[in-house]
PDB file of N, CA and C in Angstrom:
ATOM      1  N   UNK A   1       0.755  -1.171  -0.059  1.00  0.00           N
ATOM      2  CA  UNK A   1       0.110   0.171   0.222  1.00  0.00           C
ATOM      3  C   UNK A   1       0.866   1.214  -0.333  1.00  0.00           C
ATOM      4  N   UNK A   2       2.143   1.296   0.737  1.00  0.00           N
ATOM      5  CA  UNK A   2       2.966   2.520   0.809  1.00  0.00           C
ATOM      6  C   UNK A   2       3.300   2.650  -0.479  1.00  0.00           C
ATOM      7  N   UNK A   3       3.843   1.426  -1.088  1.00  0.00           N
ATOM      8  CA  UNK A   3       4.248   1.433  -2.300  1.00  0.00           C
ATOM      9  C   UNK A   3       3.747   2.279  -3.525  1.00  0.00           C
ATOM     10  N   UNK A   4       2.199   2.520  -3.587  1.00  0.00           N
ATOM     11  CA  UNK A   4       1.650   3.300  -4.389  1.00  0.00           C
ATOM     12  C   UNK A   4       1.676   4.932  -3.713  1.00  0.00           C
ATOM     13  N   UNK A   5       1.969   5.182  -2.629  1.00  0.00           N
ATOM     14  CA  UNK A   5       2.142   6.425  -2.244  1.00  0.00           C
ATOM     15  C   UNK A   5       3.116   7.055  -2.978  1.00  0.00           C
ATOM     16  N   UNK A   6       4.236   6.530  -2.608  1.00  0.00           N
ATOM     17  CA  UNK A   6       5.194   7.468  -3.160  1.00  0.00           C
ATOM     18  C   UNK A   6       5.489   8.169  -4.461  1.00  0.00           C
ATOM     19  N   UNK A   7       4.910   7.047  -5.961  1.00  0.00           N
ATOM     20  CA  UNK A   7       4.794   7.586  -6.773  1.00  0.00           C
ATOM     21  C   UNK A   7       3.224   8.573  -6.926  1.00  0.00           C
ATOM     22  N   UNK A   8       2.525   8.352  -6.187  1.00  0.00           N
ATOM     23  CA  UNK A   8       1.363   9.456  -6.218  1.00  0.00           C
ATOM     24  C   UNK A   8       1.709  10.748  -5.582  1.00  0.00           C
ATOM     25  N   UNK A   9       2.543  10.757  -4.546  1.00  0.00           N
ATOM     26  CA  UNK A   9       3.032  12.078  -3.817  1.00  0.00           C
ATOM     27  C   UNK A   9       4.185  12.680  -4.770  1.00  0.00           C
ATOM     28  N   UNK A  10       4.776  11.905  -5.449  1.00  0.00           N
ATOM     29  CA  UNK A  10       5.714  12.419  -6.596  1.00  0.00           C
ATOM     30  C   UNK A  10       4.789  13.310  -7.727  1.00  0.00           C
ATOM     31  N   UNK A  11       3.956  12.499  -8.373  1.00  0.00           N
ATOM     32  CA  UNK A  11       3.025  13.140  -9.330  1.00  0.00           C
ATOM     33  C   UNK A  11       2.330  14.493  -8.855  1.00  0.00           C
ATOM     34  N   UNK A  12       2.092  14.305  -7.693  1.00  0.00           N
ATOM     35  CA  UNK A  12       1.403  15.483  -6.920  1.00  0.00           C
ATOM     36  C   UNK A  12       2.262  16.637  -6.843  1.00  0.00           C
ATOM     37  N   UNK A  13       3.632  16.580  -6.502  1.00  0.00           N
ATOM     38  CA  UNK A  13       4.540  17.558  -6.434  1.00  0.00           C
ATOM     39  C   UNK A  13       5.140  17.913  -7.810  1.00  0.00           C
ATOM     40  N   UNK A  14       5.036  17.139  -8.686  1.00  0.00           N
ATOM     41  CA  UNK A  14       5.545  17.660 -10.092  1.00  0.00           C
ATOM     42  C   UNK A  14       4.211  18.257 -10.762  1.00  0.00           C
ATOM     43  N   UNK A  15       3.010  18.319  -9.949  1.00  0.00           N
ATOM     44  CA  UNK A  15       1.913  19.048 -10.895  1.00  0.00           C
ATOM     45  C   UNK A  15       1.941  20.560 -10.422  1.00  0.00           C
ATOM     46  N   UNK A  16       1.840  20.400  -8.948  1.00  0.00           N
ATOM     47  CA  UNK A  16       1.883  21.622  -8.109  1.00  0.00           C
ATOM     48  C   UNK A  16       2.881  22.764  -7.976  1.00  0.00           C
ATOM     49  N   UNK A  17       4.172  22.244  -8.411  1.00  0.00           N
ATOM     50  CA  UNK A  17       5.268  23.338  -8.244  1.00  0.00           C
ATOM     51  C   UNK A  17       5.385  24.230  -9.416  1.00  0.00           C
ATOM     52  N   UNK A  18       4.837  23.782 -10.790  1.00  0.00           N
ATOM     53  CA  UNK A  18       4.832  24.550 -11.994  1.00  0.00           C
ATOM     54  C   UNK A  18       3.710  25.443 -11.747  1.00  0.00           C
ATOM     55  N   UNK A  19       2.660  25.016 -11.011  1.00  0.00           N
ATOM     56  CA  UNK A  19       1.336  26.061 -10.743  1.00  0.00           C
ATOM     57  C   UNK A  19       1.879  27.180 -10.009  1.00  0.00           C
ATOM     58  N   UNK A  20       2.520  26.958  -8.750  1.00  0.00           N
ATOM     59  CA  UNK A  20       2.931  28.085  -7.906  1.00  0.00           C
ATOM     60  C   UNK A  20       4.059  28.820  -8.687  1.00  0.00           C
ATOM     61  N   UNK A  21       4.762  28.364  -9.608  1.00  0.00           N
ATOM     62  CA  UNK A  21       5.534  29.284 -10.357  1.00  0.00           C
ATOM     63  C   UNK A  21       4.784  30.062 -11.316  1.00  0.00           C
ATOM     64  N   UNK A  22       3.906  29.594 -12.218  1.00  0.00           N
ATOM     65  CA  UNK A  22       3.208  30.366 -12.863  1.00  0.00           C
ATOM     66  C   UNK A  22       2.258  31.212 -12.109  1.00  0.00           C
ATOM     67  N   UNK A  23       1.852  31.130 -10.928  1.00  0.00           N
ATOM     68  CA  UNK A  23       0.968  32.170  -9.907  1.00  0.00           C
ATOM     69  C   UNK A  23       2.246  33.234  -9.851  1.00  0.00           C
ATOM     70  N   UNK A  24       3.327  32.741  -9.263  1.00  0.00           N
ATOM     71  CA  UNK A  24       4.536  34.222  -9.164  1.00  0.00           C
ATOM     72  C   UNK A  24       4.612  34.921 -10.350  1.00  0.00           C
ATOM     73  N   UNK A  25       4.789  34.136 -11.455  1.00  0.00           N
ATOM     74  CA  UNK A  25       4.937  34.825 -12.622  1.00  0.00           C
ATOM     75  C   UNK A  25       3.797  35.964 -13.111  1.00  0.00           C
ATOM     76  N   UNK A  26       2.577  35.458 -13.116  1.00  0.00           N
ATOM     77  CA  UNK A  26       1.515  36.302 -13.122  1.00  0.00           C
ATOM     78  C   UNK A  26       1.435  37.461 -12.043  1.00  0.00           C
ATOM     79  N   UNK A  27       1.965  37.400 -11.061  1.00  0.00           N
ATOM     80  CA  UNK A  27       1.825  38.561  -9.972  1.00  0.00           C
ATOM     81  C   UNK A  27       2.927  39.318 -10.495  1.00  0.00           C
ATOM     82  N   UNK A  28       3.954  38.768 -10.725  1.00  0.00           N
ATOM     83  CA  UNK A  28       4.980  39.833 -11.428  1.00  0.00           C
ATOM     84  C   UNK A  28       4.735  40.680 -12.283  1.00  0.00           C
ATOM     85  N   UNK A  29       4.052  39.963 -13.388  1.00  0.00           N
ATOM     86  CA  UNK A  29       3.737  40.858 -14.514  1.00  0.00           C
ATOM     87  C   UNK A  29       2.484  41.984 -13.990  1.00  0.00           C
ATOM     88  N   UNK A  30       1.432  41.187 -13.152  1.00  0.00           N
ATOM     89  CA  UNK A  30       0.402  42.209 -12.626  1.00  0.00           C
ATOM     90  C   UNK A  30       1.035  43.624 -11.660  1.00  0.00           C
ATOM     91  N   UNK A  31       2.233  43.389 -11.224  1.00  0.00           N
ATOM     92  CA  UNK A  31       2.860  44.427 -10.491  1.00  0.00           C
ATOM     93  C   UNK A  31       3.111  45.427 -11.260  1.00  0.00           C
ATOM     94  N   UNK A  32       3.348  45.390 -12.779  1.00  0.00           N
ATOM     95  CA  UNK A  32       3.728  46.544 -13.800  1.00  0.00           C
ATOM     96  C   UNK A  32       2.773  47.083 -14.286  1.00  0.00           C
ATOM     97  N   UNK A  33       1.687  46.651 -13.847  1.00  0.00           N
ATOM     98  CA  UNK A  33       0.236  47.450 -14.555  1.00  0.00           C
ATOM     99  C   UNK A  33      -0.256  48.143 -13.499  1.00  0.00           C
ATOM    100  N   UNK A  34      -1.043  49.174 -13.859  1.00  0.00           N
ATOM    101  CA  UNK A  34      -1.812  49.834 -12.916  1.00  0.00           C
ATOM    102  C   UNK A  34      -2.308  49.270 -11.751  1.00  0.00           C
ATOM    103  N   UNK A  35      -2.759  49.648 -10.572  1.00  0.00           N
ATOM    104  CA  UNK A  35      -3.107  49.149  -9.198  1.00  0.00           C
ATOM    105  C   UNK A  35      -4.522  48.579  -9.918  1.00  0.00           C
ATOM    106  N   UNK A  36      -5.240  49.300 -10.555  1.00  0.00           N
ATOM    107  CA  UNK A  36      -6.780  49.111 -10.755  1.00  0.00           C
ATOM    108  C   UNK A  36      -6.908  47.877 -11.601  1.00  0.00           C
ATOM    109  N   UNK A  37      -5.601  47.495 -12.273  1.00  0.00           N
ATOM    110  CA  UNK A  37      -5.843  46.295 -13.045  1.00  0.00           C
ATOM    111  C   UNK A  37      -4.980  44.700 -12.457  1.00  0.00           C
ATOM    112  N   UNK A  38      -4.432  45.085 -11.312  1.00  0.00           N
ATOM    113  CA  UNK A  38      -3.892  44.027 -10.747  1.00  0.00           C
ATOM    114  C   UNK A  38      -4.647  42.668 -10.758  1.00  0.00           C
ATOM    115  N   UNK A  39      -5.961  42.864  -9.958  1.00  0.00           N
ATOM    116  CA  UNK A  39      -6.769  41.363  -9.759  1.00  0.00           C
ATOM    117  C   UNK A  39      -7.222  41.293 -11.084  1.00  0.00           C
ATOM    118  N   UNK A  40      -7.459  41.888 -11.922  1.00  0.00           N
ATOM    119  CA  UNK A  40      -8.147  41.563 -13.021  1.00  0.00           C
ATOM    120  C   UNK A  40      -7.229  40.548 -14.016  1.00  0.00           C
ATOM    121  N   UNK A  41      -6.087  41.034 -13.974  1.00  0.00           N
ATOM    122  CA  UNK A  41      -4.800  40.365 -14.694  1.00  0.00           C
ATOM    123  C   UNK A  41      -4.573  38.815 -13.881  1.00  0.00           C
ATOM    124  N   UNK A  42      -4.302  39.142 -12.506  1.00  0.00           N
ATOM    125  CA  UNK A  42      -4.341  37.686 -11.758  1.00  0.00           C
ATOM    126  C   UNK A  42      -5.331  36.732 -12.183  1.00  0.00           C
ATOM    127  N   UNK A  43      -6.642  37.351 -11.932  1.00  0.00           N
ATOM    128  CA  UNK A  43      -7.976  36.166 -12.099  1.00  0.00           C
ATOM    129  C   UNK A  43      -7.782  35.795 -13.499  1.00  0.00           C
ATOM    130  N   UNK A  44      -7.875  36.634 -14.663  1.00  0.00           N
ATOM    131  CA  UNK A  44      -7.816  36.109 -16.085  1.00  0.00           C
ATOM    132  C   UNK A  44      -6.639  35.455 -16.066  1.00  0.00           C
ATOM    133  N   UNK A  45      -5.406  35.657 -15.920  1.00  0.00           N
ATOM    134  CA  UNK A  45      -4.405  34.699 -16.035  1.00  0.00           C
ATOM    135  C   UNK A  45      -4.359  33.313 -15.385  1.00  0.00           C
ATOM    136  N   UNK A  46      -4.872  33.481 -14.052  1.00  0.00           N
ATOM    137  CA  UNK A  46      -5.133  31.930 -13.631  1.00  0.00           C
ATOM    138  C   UNK A  46      -6.207  31.048 -14.117  1.00  0.00           C
ATOM    139  N   UNK A  47      -7.403  31.658 -14.547  1.00  0.00           N
ATOM    140  CA  UNK A  47      -8.365  31.049 -15.322  1.00  0.00           C
ATOM    141  C   UNK A  47      -7.805  30.563 -16.772  1.00  0.00           C
ATOM    142  N   UNK A  48      -7.087  31.450 -17.438  1.00  0.00           N
ATOM    143  CA  UNK A  48      -6.644  30.854 -18.598  1.00  0.00           C
ATOM    144  C   UNK A  48      -5.502  29.902 -18.359  1.00  0.00           C
ATOM    145  N   UNK A  49      -4.719  29.672 -17.725  1.00  0.00           N
ATOM    146  CA  UNK A  49      -3.604  28.766 -17.488  1.00  0.00           C
ATOM    147  C   UNK A  49      -4.327  27.447 -16.813  1.00  0.00           C
ATOM    148  N   UNK A  50      -5.215  27.552 -15.829  1.00  0.00           N
ATOM    149  CA  UNK A  50      -5.908  26.415 -15.444  1.00  0.00           C
ATOM    150  C   UNK A  50      -6.829  25.618 -16.425  1.00  0.00           C
ATOM    151  N   UNK A  51      -7.528  26.487 -17.340  1.00  0.00           N
ATOM    152  CA  UNK A  51      -8.195  26.032 -18.403  1.00  0.00           C
ATOM    153  C   UNK A  51      -7.669  25.194 -19.755  1.00  0.00           C
ATOM    154  N   UNK A  52      -6.520  25.818 -19.662  1.00  0.00           N
ATOM    155  CA  UNK A  52      -5.375  25.367 -20.898  1.00  0.00           C
ATOM    156  C   UNK A  52      -5.161  24.122 -20.482  1.00  0.00           C
ATOM    157  N   UNK A  53      -4.507  23.973 -18.938  1.00  0.00           N
ATOM    158  CA  UNK A  53      -4.307  22.724 -18.645  1.00  0.00           C
ATOM    159  C   UNK A  53      -5.488  21.743 -18.515  1.00  0.00           C
ATOM    160  N   UNK A  54      -6.354  21.982 -18.400  1.00  0.00           N
ATOM    161  CA  UNK A  54      -7.647  21.056 -18.022  1.00  0.00           C
ATOM    162  C   UNK A  54      -8.113  20.566 -19.615  1.00  0.00           C
ATOM    163  N   UNK A  55      -8.131  21.657 -20.619  1.00  0.00           N
ATOM    164  CA  UNK A  55      -8.658  21.048 -21.658  1.00  0.00           C
ATOM    165  C   UNK A  55      -7.859  20.550 -22.887  1.00  0.00           C
ATOM    166  N   UNK A  56      -6.507  21.154 -23.001  1.00  0.00           N
ATOM    167  CA  UNK A  56      -5.384  20.956 -23.813  1.00  0.00           C
ATOM    168  C   UNK A  56      -4.594  19.683 -23.493  1.00  0.00           C
ATOM    169  N   UNK A  57      -4.226  19.652 -22.191  1.00  0.00           N
ATOM    170  CA  UNK A  57      -3.332  18.827 -21.762  1.00  0.00           C
ATOM    171  C   UNK A  57      -3.772  17.413 -21.989  1.00  0.00           C
ATOM    172  N   UNK A  58      -2.899  16.384 -22.404  1.00  0.00           N
ATOM    173  CA  UNK A  58      -3.065  15.110 -22.885  1.00  0.00           C
ATOM    174  C   UNK A  58      -3.721  14.334 -21.726  1.00  0.00           C
TER     175      UNK A  58
END
């Protein structure tokens, strides 16, 4: 049973780490915009990223 958890945890780590990196990248880009557009860009960027991963990834 434990043998199945190690690959599972590795897969979760491989999926989560790039997502955190993308959120940081979007936040850095948002900081270059006027204050009124920060939340708008973060929301749209995260929605586009997650929808791309959901519908385009094999």
